[in-house]
Each structure stands twice: as C-alpha cells, then as structure tokens.
PDB file of N, CA and C in Angstrom:
ATOM      1  N   MET A   1     113.638 128.990 138.218  1.00  0.00           N
ATOM      2  CA  MET A   1     113.066 128.292 137.117  1.00  0.00           C
ATOM      3  C   MET A   1     113.354 128.880 135.455  1.00  0.00           C
ATOM      4  N   SER A   2     113.887 128.216 134.851  1.00  0.00           N
ATOM      5  CA  SER A   2     114.427 128.718 133.513  1.00  0.00           C
ATOM      6  C   SER A   2     113.244 128.837 132.279  1.00  0.00           C
ATOM      7  N   LEU A   3     113.508 129.854 131.568  1.00  0.00           N
ATOM      8  CA  LEU A   3     112.375 130.206 131.047  1.00  0.00           C
ATOM      9  C   LEU A   3     111.826 128.902 130.045  1.00  0.00           C
ATOM     10  N   ASP A   4     112.657 128.313 129.603  1.00  0.00           N
ATOM     11  CA  ASP A   4     112.254 126.662 129.003  1.00  0.00           C
ATOM     12  C   ASP A   4     111.025 126.188 129.535  1.00  0.00           C
ATOM     13  N   LEU A   5     111.459 125.891 130.814  1.00  0.00           N
ATOM     14  CA  LEU A   5     110.291 125.201 131.957  1.00  0.00           C
ATOM     15  C   LEU A   5     109.182 125.563 131.874  1.00  0.00           C
ATOM     16  N   VAL A   6     109.039 126.889 131.826  1.00  0.00           N
ATOM     17  CA  VAL A   6     107.775 127.893 132.022  1.00  0.00           C
ATOM     18  C   VAL A   6     107.165 127.964 131.063  1.00  0.00           C
ATOM     19  N   ALA A   7     107.781 127.724 129.819  1.00  0.00           N
ATOM     20  CA  ALA A   7     107.340 127.718 128.500  1.00  0.00           C
ATOM     21  C   ALA A   7     106.542 126.403 128.163  1.00  0.00           C
ATOM     22  N   ILE A   8     107.300 124.973 128.460  1.00  0.00           N
ATOM     23  CA  ILE A   8     106.767 123.979 128.523  1.00  0.00           C
ATOM     24  C   ILE A   8     105.840 123.429 129.306  1.00  0.00           C
ATOM     25  N   ALA A   9     105.761 124.286 130.751  1.00  0.00           N
ATOM     26  CA  ALA A   9     104.726 124.502 131.759  1.00  0.00           C
ATOM     27  C   ALA A   9     103.120 124.828 131.372  1.00  0.00           C
ATOM     28  N   ALA A  10     103.720 126.032 130.599  1.00  0.00           N
ATOM     29  CA  ALA A  10     102.327 127.011 130.076  1.00  0.00           C
ATOM     30  C   ALA A  10     101.891 126.040 129.070  1.00  0.00           C
ATOM     31  N   MET A  11     102.675 125.437 128.273  1.00  0.00           N
ATOM     32  CA  MET A  11     102.349 124.713 126.818  1.00  0.00           C
ATOM     33  C   MET A  11     101.110 123.489 127.757  1.00  0.00           C
ATOM     34  N   ALA A  12     101.654 122.755 128.659  1.00  0.00           N
ATOM     35  CA  ALA A  12     101.474 121.683 129.209  1.00  0.00           C
ATOM     36  C   ALA A  12      99.879 122.450 129.739  1.00  0.00           C
ATOM     37  N   LEU A  13      99.941 123.418 130.447  1.00  0.00           N
ATOM     38  CA  LEU A  13      98.750 123.722 130.862  1.00  0.00           C
ATOM     39  C   LEU A  13      97.640 123.941 129.607  1.00  0.00           C
ATOM     40  N   VAL A  14      98.245 124.561 128.775  1.00  0.00           N
ATOM     41  CA  VAL A  14      96.873 125.028 127.592  1.00  0.00           C
ATOM     42  C   VAL A  14      96.239 123.702 127.230  1.00  0.00           C
ATOM     43  N   THR A  15      97.689 123.203 127.036  1.00  0.00           N
ATOM     44  CA  THR A  15      96.831 121.633 126.219  1.00  0.00           C
ATOM     45  C   THR A  15      95.666 121.073 126.948  1.00  0.00           C
ATOM     46  N   ALA A  16      96.158 120.554 128.433  1.00  0.00           N
ATOM     47  CA  ALA A  16      95.349 120.341 129.534  1.00  0.00           C
ATOM     48  C   ALA A  16      93.822 120.819 129.489  1.00  0.00           C
ATOM     49  N   LEU A  17      93.989 122.286 129.388  1.00  0.00           N
ATOM     50  CA  LEU A  17      92.926 123.174 129.543  1.00  0.00           C
ATOM     51  C   LEU A  17      92.109 122.868 127.732  1.00  0.00           C
ATOM     52  N   LEU A  18      92.672 123.120 127.193  1.00  0.00           N
ATOM     53  CA  LEU A  18      91.869 122.778 125.465  1.00  0.00           C
ATOM     54  C   LEU A  18      91.385 121.218 125.473  1.00  0.00           C
ATOM     55  N   ARG A  19      92.167 120.259 126.143  1.00  0.00           N
ATOM     56  CA  ARG A  19      91.754 118.935 125.905  1.00  0.00           C
ATOM     57  C   ARG A  19      90.210 118.724 126.824  1.00  0.00           C
ATOM     58  N   ALA A  20      90.299 119.777 127.956  1.00  0.00           N
ATOM     59  CA  ALA A  20      88.900 119.307 128.964  1.00  0.00           C
ATOM     60  C   ALA A  20      87.694 120.431 128.223  1.00  0.00           C
ATOM     61  N   GLY A  21      88.264 121.457 127.900  1.00  0.00           N
ATOM     62  CA  GLY A  21      87.543 122.086 127.331  1.00  0.00           C
ATOM     63  C   GLY A  21      86.654 121.577 125.826  1.00  0.00           C
ATOM     64  N   GLY A  22      87.446 120.718 125.216  1.00  0.00           N
ATOM     65  CA  GLY A  22      86.881 119.957 124.354  1.00  0.00           C
ATOM     66  C   GLY A  22      85.891 119.152 124.546  1.00  0.00           C
ATOM     67  N   TYR A  23      86.252 118.170 125.685  1.00  0.00           N
ATOM     68  CA  TYR A  23      85.132 117.343 126.107  1.00  0.00           C
ATOM     69  C   TYR A  23      83.901 118.078 126.958  1.00  0.00           C
ATOM     70  N   TRP A  24      84.046 119.287 127.517  1.00  0.00           N
ATOM     71  CA  TRP A  24      83.105 119.438 127.955  1.00  0.00           C
ATOM     72  C   TRP A  24      82.111 120.070 127.104  1.00  0.00           C
ATOM     73  N   ALA A  25      82.516 120.984 125.839  1.00  0.00           N
ATOM     74  CA  ALA A  25      81.692 120.944 124.721  1.00  0.00           C
ATOM     75  C   ALA A  25      81.211 120.277 124.422  1.00  0.00           C
ATOM     76  N   MET A  26      81.746 118.742 124.106  1.00  0.00           N
ATOM     77  CA  MET A  26      80.863 117.811 123.541  1.00  0.00           C
ATOM     78  C   MET A  26      79.868 117.429 124.008  1.00  0.00           C
ATOM     79  N   ARG A  27      79.803 117.273 125.437  1.00  0.00           N
ATOM     80  CA  ARG A  27      78.554 117.016 126.481  1.00  0.00           C
ATOM     81  C   ARG A  27      77.392 117.830 125.951  1.00  0.00           C
ATOM     82  N   LEU A  28      77.548 118.984 125.317  1.00  0.00           N
ATOM     83  CA  LEU A  28      76.372 119.893 124.723  1.00  0.00           C
ATOM     84  C   LEU A  28      75.697 119.574 123.377  1.00  0.00           C
ATOM     85  N   VAL A  29      76.794 118.815 122.553  1.00  0.00           N
ATOM     86  CA  VAL A  29      76.438 118.309 121.653  1.00  0.00           C
ATOM     87  C   VAL A  29      75.593 116.977 121.404  1.00  0.00           C
ATOM     88  N   PRO A  30      74.334 117.101 120.668  1.00  0.00           N
ATOM     89  CA  PRO A  30      73.825 115.790 120.796  1.00  0.00           C
ATOM     90  C   PRO A  30      74.634 114.658 119.597  1.00  0.00           C
ATOM     91  N   MET A  31      74.508 113.556 120.365  1.00  0.00           N
ATOM     92  CA  MET A  31      75.552 112.398 119.767  1.00  0.00           C
ATOM     93  C   MET A  31      74.322 111.920 118.641  1.00  0.00           C
ATOM     94  N   THR A  32      74.940 111.890 117.154  1.00  0.00           N
ATOM     95  CA  THR A  32      73.890 111.676 115.865  1.00  0.00           C
ATOM     96  C   THR A  32      75.201 110.361 115.271  1.00  0.00           C
ATOM     97  N   PRO A  33      74.013 109.787 114.470  1.00  0.00           N
ATOM     98  CA  PRO A  33      75.045 108.740 113.938  1.00  0.00           C
ATOM     99  C   PRO A  33      76.159 109.299 112.904  1.00  0.00           C
ATOM    100  N   ARG A  34      75.755 110.673 112.111  1.00  0.00           N
ATOM    101  CA  ARG A  34      76.535 111.258 111.073  1.00  0.00           C
ATOM    102  C   ARG A  34      78.341 111.939 112.045  1.00  0.00           C
ATOM    103  N   LEU A  35      77.425 112.113 113.423  1.00  0.00           N
ATOM    104  CA  LEU A  35      78.883 112.878 114.287  1.00  0.00           C
ATOM    105  C   LEU A  35      79.507 112.037 114.633  1.00  0.00           C
ATOM    106  N   GLU A  36      78.983 110.698 114.981  1.00  0.00           N
ATOM    107  CA  GLU A  36      79.621 109.661 115.566  1.00  0.00           C
ATOM    108  C   GLU A  36      80.676 108.894 114.245  1.00  0.00           C
ATOM    109  N   ARG A  37      80.106 109.008 112.986  1.00  0.00           N
ATOM    110  CA  ARG A  37      80.955 108.581 111.722  1.00  0.00           C
ATOM    111  C   ARG A  37      82.133 109.636 111.741  1.00  0.00           C
ATOM    112  N   ILE A  38      82.042 111.281 111.580  1.00  0.00           N
ATOM    113  CA  ILE A  38      82.926 111.844 111.614  1.00  0.00           C
ATOM    114  C   ILE A  38      84.116 111.803 112.897  1.00  0.00           C
ATOM    115  N   LEU A  39      83.817 111.764 113.953  1.00  0.00           N
ATOM    116  CA  LEU A  39      84.549 111.561 115.020  1.00  0.00           C
ATOM    117  C   LEU A  39      85.361 110.179 115.140  1.00  0.00           C
ATOM    118  N   ALA A  40      84.898 108.998 114.439  1.00  0.00           N
ATOM    119  CA  ALA A  40      85.312 108.092 114.052  1.00  0.00           C
ATOM    120  C   ALA A  40      86.438 108.197 113.189  1.00  0.00           C
ATOM    121  N   ALA A  41      86.293 109.245 112.243  1.00  0.00           N
ATOM    122  CA  ALA A  41      87.134 109.479 111.221  1.00  0.00           C
ATOM    123  C   ALA A  41      88.424 110.430 111.525  1.00  0.00           C
ATOM    124  N   LEU A  42      88.176 110.915 112.615  1.00  0.00           N
ATOM    125  CA  LEU A  42      88.894 112.231 112.576  1.00  0.00           C
ATOM    126  C   LEU A  42      90.588 111.625 113.098  1.00  0.00           C
ATOM    127  N   PRO A  43      90.922 110.523 113.988  1.00  0.00           N
ATOM    128  CA  PRO A  43      92.313 109.948 114.071  1.00  0.00           C
ATOM    129  C   PRO A  43      93.071 109.805 112.560  1.00  0.00           C
ATOM    130  N   GLY A  44      92.147 109.051 111.829  1.00  0.00           N
ATOM    131  CA  GLY A  44      93.159 108.987 110.146  1.00  0.00           C
ATOM    132  C   GLY A  44      93.201 109.885 109.553  1.00  0.00           C
ATOM    133  N   ALA A  45      92.216 111.082 109.724  1.00  0.00           N
ATOM    134  CA  ALA A  45      92.297 112.443 109.256  1.00  0.00           C
ATOM    135  C   ALA A  45      93.867 112.947 109.576  1.00  0.00           C
ATOM    136  N   ILE A  46      93.628 112.741 111.146  1.00  0.00           N
ATOM    137  CA  ILE A  46      94.620 113.553 111.622  1.00  0.00           C
ATOM    138  C   ILE A  46      95.999 113.062 111.103  1.00  0.00           C
ATOM    139  N   VAL A  47      96.200 111.710 111.394  1.00  0.00           N
ATOM    140  CA  VAL A  47      97.921 111.065 110.824  1.00  0.00           C
ATOM    141  C   VAL A  47      98.212 111.354 109.430  1.00  0.00           C
ATOM    142  N   VAL A  48      96.979 111.250 108.593  1.00  0.00           N
ATOM    143  CA  VAL A  48      97.234 111.873 106.933  1.00  0.00           C
ATOM    144  C   VAL A  48      97.772 113.293 107.079  1.00  0.00           C
ATOM    145  N   ALA A  49      96.929 114.131 107.668  1.00  0.00           N
ATOM    146  CA  ALA A  49      97.391 115.544 107.917  1.00  0.00           C
ATOM    147  C   ALA A  49      98.744 116.002 108.060  1.00  0.00           C
ATOM    148  N   LEU A  50      99.071 114.919 109.299  1.00  0.00           N
ATOM    149  CA  LEU A  50     100.767 115.397 109.665  1.00  0.00           C
ATOM    150  C   LEU A  50     101.492 114.389 108.662  1.00  0.00           C
ATOM    151  N   ILE A  51     101.201 113.355 108.370  1.00  0.00           N
ATOM    152  CA  ILE A  51     102.250 112.883 107.683  1.00  0.00           C
ATOM    153  C   ILE A  51     102.594 113.066 106.040  1.00  0.00           C
ATOM    154  N   ALA A  52     101.334 113.337 105.280  1.00  0.00           N
ATOM    155  CA  ALA A  52     101.243 113.509 103.852  1.00  0.00           C
ATOM    156  C   ALA A  52     102.122 114.927 103.550  1.00  0.00           C
ATOM    157  N   PRO A  53     102.331 115.999 104.301  1.00  0.00           N
ATOM    158  CA  PRO A  53     103.964 117.122 104.139  1.00  0.00           C
ATOM    159  C   PRO A  53     105.052 116.555 103.834  1.00  0.00           C
ATOM    160  N   GLY A  54     105.282 115.661 104.951  1.00  0.00           N
ATOM    161  CA  GLY A  54     106.428 115.184 104.876  1.00  0.00           C
ATOM    162  C   GLY A  54     106.809 114.448 103.803  1.00  0.00           C
ATOM    163  N   ILE A  55     105.963 113.584 103.287  1.00  0.00           N
ATOM    164  CA  ILE A  55     105.963 112.452 102.344  1.00  0.00           C
ATOM    165  C   ILE A  55     106.332 113.259 100.989  1.00  0.00           C
ATOM    166  N   LEU A  56     105.023 114.460 100.796  1.00  0.00           N
ATOM    167  CA  LEU A  56     105.595 115.286  99.721  1.00  0.00           C
ATOM    168  C   LEU A  56     106.667 115.970  99.609  1.00  0.00           C
ATOM    169  N   ARG A  57     107.443 116.545 100.554  1.00  0.00           N
ATOM    170  CA  ARG A  57     108.883 117.027 100.842  1.00  0.00           C
ATOM    171  C   ARG A  57     109.867 115.941 100.640  1.00  0.00           C
ATOM    172  N   ALA A  58     109.602 114.782 100.748  1.00  0.00           N
ATOM    173  CA  ALA A  58     110.723 113.783 100.671  1.00  0.00           C
ATOM    174  C   ALA A  58     110.877 113.310  99.170  1.00  0.00           C
ATOM    175  N   GLY A  59     109.971 113.833  98.341  1.00  0.00           N
ATOM    176  CA  GLY A  59     110.056 113.088  97.050  1.00  0.00           C
ATOM    177  C   GLY A  59     109.722 111.976  96.742  1.00  0.00           C
ATOM    178  N   LEU A  60     110.631 111.532  95.937  1.00  0.00           N
ATOM    179  CA  LEU A  60     110.432 109.878  95.886  1.00  0.00           C
ATOM    180  C   LEU A  60     110.962 109.010  97.270  1.00  0.00           C
ATOM    181  N   VAL A  61     111.481 109.412  97.378  1.00  0.00           N
ATOM    182  CA  VAL A  61     112.525 108.564  98.635  1.00  0.00           C
ATOM    183  C   VAL A  61     110.626 108.168  99.776  1.00  0.00           C
ATOM    184  N   GLY A  62     110.412 109.774  99.780  1.00  0.00           N
ATOM    185  CA  GLY A  62     108.548 109.540 100.585  1.00  0.00           C
ATOM    186  C   GLY A  62     107.772 108.801 100.110  1.00  0.00           C
ATOM    187  N   TRP A  63     107.469 108.857  98.826  1.00  0.00           N
ATOM    188  CA  TRP A  63     106.470 108.088  98.162  1.00  0.00           C
ATOM    189  C   TRP A  63     106.755 106.463  98.372  1.00  0.00           C
ATOM    190  N   ALA A  64     108.174 106.259  97.924  1.00  0.00           N
ATOM    191  CA  ALA A  64     108.405 104.910  97.994  1.00  0.00           C
ATOM    192  C   ALA A  64     107.874 104.338  99.406  1.00  0.00           C
ATOM    193  N   THR A  65     108.571 104.951 100.369  1.00  0.00           N
ATOM    194  CA  THR A  65     108.716 104.555 101.730  1.00  0.00           C
ATOM    195  C   THR A  65     107.350 104.631 102.231  1.00  0.00           C
ATOM    196  N   ALA A  66     106.887 105.665 102.048  1.00  0.00           N
ATOM    197  CA  ALA A  66     105.038 104.911 102.448  1.00  0.00           C
ATOM    198  C   ALA A  66     104.269 104.137 101.633  1.00  0.00           C
ATOM    199  N   ALA A  67     104.739 103.917 100.341  1.00  0.00           N
ATOM    200  CA  ALA A  67     103.891 102.746  99.839  1.00  0.00           C
ATOM    201  C   ALA A  67     104.296 101.463 100.563  1.00  0.00           C
ATOM    202  N   ALA A  68     105.518 101.531 100.715  1.00  0.00           N
ATOM    203  CA  ALA A  68     106.044 100.389 101.394  1.00  0.00           C
ATOM    204  C   ALA A  68     105.387 100.280 102.581  1.00  0.00           C
ATOM    205  N   THR A  69     105.316 100.653 103.624  1.00  0.00           N
ATOM    206  CA  THR A  69     104.984 101.168 104.585  1.00  0.00           C
ATOM    207  C   THR A  69     103.243 100.691 104.684  1.00  0.00           C
ATOM    208  N   VAL A  70     102.555 101.239 103.659  1.00  0.00           N
ATOM    209  CA  VAL A  70     100.881 100.705 103.678  1.00  0.00           C
ATOM    210  C   VAL A  70     100.683  99.239 103.112  1.00  0.00           C
ATOM    211  N   ALA A  71     101.955  98.767 102.386  1.00  0.00           N
ATOM    212  CA  ALA A  71     101.874  97.690 101.761  1.00  0.00           C
ATOM    213  C   ALA A  71     102.001  96.393 102.665  1.00  0.00           C
ATOM    214  N   ALA A  72     103.066  96.692 103.372  1.00  0.00           N
ATOM    215  CA  ALA A  72     103.707  95.916 104.580  1.00  0.00           C
ATOM    216  C   ALA A  72     102.427  95.573 105.818  1.00  0.00           C
ATOM    217  N   MET A  73     101.644  97.124 105.964  1.00  0.00           N
ATOM    218  CA  MET A  73     100.651  97.014 106.753  1.00  0.00           C
ATOM    219  C   MET A  73      99.496  96.086 106.558  1.00  0.00           C
ATOM    220  N   LEU A  74      99.059  96.374 105.106  1.00  0.00           N
ATOM    221  CA  LEU A  74      98.048  95.582 104.537  1.00  0.00           C
ATOM    222  C   LEU A  74      98.424  93.776 104.537  1.00  0.00           C
ATOM    223  N   VAL A  75      99.451  93.922 104.152  1.00  0.00           N
ATOM    224  CA  VAL A  75      99.669  91.911 103.817  1.00  0.00           C
ATOM    225  C   VAL A  75     100.083  91.762 105.637  1.00  0.00           C
ATOM    226  N   LEU A  76     100.718  92.451 106.049  1.00  0.00           N
ATOM    227  CA  LEU A  76     101.314  91.685 107.378  1.00  0.00           C
ATOM    228  C   LEU A  76     100.590  91.983 108.646  1.00  0.00           C
ATOM    229  N   LYS A  77      99.489  93.000 108.621  1.00  0.00           N
ATOM    230  CA  LYS A  77      98.416  93.632 109.821  1.00  0.00           C
ATOM    231  C   LYS A  77      99.084  94.011 111.018  1.00  0.00           C
ATOM    232  N   ASN A  78     100.457  94.579 110.976  1.00  0.00           N
ATOM    233  CA  ASN A  78     101.382  94.548 111.810  1.00  0.00           C
ATOM    234  C   ASN A  78     101.924  95.775 112.029  1.00  0.00           C
ATOM    235  N   ALA A  79     101.251  97.186 112.789  1.00  0.00           N
ATOM    236  CA  ALA A  79     102.081  98.197 112.526  1.00  0.00           C
ATOM    237  C   ALA A  79     103.348  98.633 112.646  1.00  0.00           C
ATOM    238  N   ILE A  80     103.956  97.824 113.831  1.00  0.00           N
ATOM    239  CA  ILE A  80     105.409  97.792 114.565  1.00  0.00           C
ATOM    240  C   ILE A  80     106.469  97.027 113.015  1.00  0.00           C
ATOM    241  N   VAL A  81     105.712  96.155 112.385  1.00  0.00           N
ATOM    242  CA  VAL A  81     106.552  95.696 111.301  1.00  0.00           C
ATOM    243  C   VAL A  81     106.701  96.625 110.185  1.00  0.00           C
ATOM    244  N   ALA A  82     105.387  97.366 109.745  1.00  0.00           N
ATOM    245  CA  ALA A  82     105.201  97.708 109.062  1.00  0.00           C
ATOM    246  C   ALA A  82     106.260  99.023 109.097  1.00  0.00           C
ATOM    247  N   LEU A  83     106.214  99.794 110.335  1.00  0.00           N
ATOM    248  CA  LEU A  83     106.966 100.970 110.738  1.00  0.00           C
ATOM    249  C   LEU A  83     108.600 100.826 110.084  1.00  0.00           C
ATOM    250  N   VAL A  84     108.975  99.352 110.559  1.00  0.00           N
ATOM    251  CA  VAL A  84     110.328  98.769 110.658  1.00  0.00           C
ATOM    252  C   VAL A  84     111.021  99.111 108.973  1.00  0.00           C
ATOM    253  N   ILE A  85     109.842  98.400 108.261  1.00  0.00           N
ATOM    254  CA  ILE A  85     109.756  98.137 106.943  1.00  0.00           C
ATOM    255  C   ILE A  85     110.222  99.517 105.985  1.00  0.00           C
ATOM    256  N   GLY A  86     109.011 100.288 106.636  1.00  0.00           N
ATOM    257  CA  GLY A  86     109.136 101.961 106.116  1.00  0.00           C
ATOM    258  C   GLY A  86     110.694 102.399 106.418  1.00  0.00           C
ATOM    259  N   ILE A  87     110.956 102.363 107.579  1.00  0.00           N
ATOM    260  CA  ILE A  87     112.245 102.966 107.792  1.00  0.00           C
ATOM    261  C   ILE A  87     113.106 102.208 107.227  1.00  0.00           C
ATOM    262  N   LEU A  88     113.087 100.705 107.442  1.00  0.00           N
ATOM    263  CA  LEU A  88     114.356 100.168 106.218  1.00  0.00           C
ATOM    264  C   LEU A  88     114.336 100.355 104.762  1.00  0.00           C
ATOM    265  N   THR A  89     113.103 101.287 104.555  1.00  0.00           N
ATOM    266  CA  THR A  89     113.166 101.130 103.195  1.00  0.00           C
ATOM    267  C   THR A  89     113.792 102.629 102.884  1.00  0.00           C
ATOM    268  N   ALA A  90     113.555 103.813 103.575  1.00  0.00           N
ATOM    269  CA  ALA A  90     113.910 104.827 103.748  1.00  0.00           C
ATOM    270  C   ALA A  90     115.487 104.715 103.908  1.00  0.00           C
ATOM    271  N   ILE A  91     115.987 104.185 104.525  1.00  0.00           N
ATOM    272  CA  ILE A  91     117.481 103.716 104.522  1.00  0.00           C
ATOM    273  C   ILE A  91     117.984 103.520 103.612  1.00  0.00           C
ATOM    274  N   ALA A  92     117.618 102.504 103.070  1.00  0.00           N
ATOM    275  CA  ALA A  92     118.549 101.759 101.860  1.00  0.00           C
ATOM    276  C   ALA A  92     118.137 102.426 100.654  1.00  0.00           C
ATOM    277  N   LEU A  93     116.858 103.487 100.255  1.00  0.00           N
ATOM    278  CA  LEU A  93     116.793 104.260  99.223  1.00  0.00           C
ATOM    279  C   LEU A  93     117.875 105.675  99.403  1.00  0.00           C
ATOM    280  N   ARG A  94     118.011 106.259 100.837  1.00  0.00           N
ATOM    281  CA  ARG A  94     119.084 107.228 100.683  1.00  0.00           C
ATOM    282  C   ARG A  94     120.269 106.613 100.614  1.00  0.00           C
ATOM    283  N   ALA A  95     120.758 105.298 101.159  1.00  0.00           N
ATOM    284  CA  ALA A  95     121.640 104.905 101.225  1.00  0.00           C
ATOM    285  C   ALA A  95     122.427 104.899  99.715  1.00  0.00           C
ATOM    286  N   ALA A  96     121.068 103.932  98.478  1.00  0.00           N
ATOM    287  CA  ALA A  96     121.615 103.970  97.392  1.00  0.00           C
ATOM    288  C   ALA A  96     121.450 105.369  96.673  1.00  0.00           C
ATOM    289  N   GLY A  97     121.512 106.368  97.245  1.00  0.00           N
ATOM    290  CA  GLY A  97     121.888 107.999  96.849  1.00  0.00           C
ATOM    291  C   GLY A  97     120.231 108.591  96.357  1.00  0.00           C
ATOM    292  N   LEU A  98     119.937 108.274  96.652  1.00  0.00           N
ATOM    293  CA  LEU A  98     118.133 108.705  95.968  1.00  0.00           C
ATOM    294  C   LEU A  98     117.692 109.545  96.872  1.00  0.00           C
TER     295      LEU A  98
END
C-alpha cells in the first residue's frame, strides 16, 4: 500500500472519530434555546470562514463575483443558478483583464 493511501486512510479515520466524538460529547450538553441558535448559525459561519479569504485574495474580481452570486441568490432563490452566475462573472472579469 502506498504512503498516499495510508495517509488518506488515516485522515479518514481521524475525521470519522472526530465526528463521532462530537456527537458523543453533545449528548452530555443540555440543549438550551441559545445553544440551538448557535448550532443553527454554525453552517453559515463556516461557509463564510472558508470563502472570505478567497474573496479577499482575489481582489476586485473576488468582490464582484461574490456580489453577483449573492445578488443572484437573493433574486432567483436558486443556489445552482447563482453559482453559475458567479462563475460566469469571474470568467468574464478575468477575460476582460481584471
């Protein structure tokens, strides 16, 4: 077995154990309305944390692409179409030399 496959298998195992550990630990925590609100907001916060650095690094193209994607999502209420619009915006701006 190659070293790459060993590393991938090890990372998969650690990820599975962390997820299981999180579920186990949350069983011990009383679920309050405040905690429910925090947990409900987490996915959005994680997405922003993952996407924001890329937007900032991309400069004007990143900001314009993000704005086009958000605007499309707000108007069309369709994530796939909004993502396509964002991608096409980035392609057009890069083709324009920005």
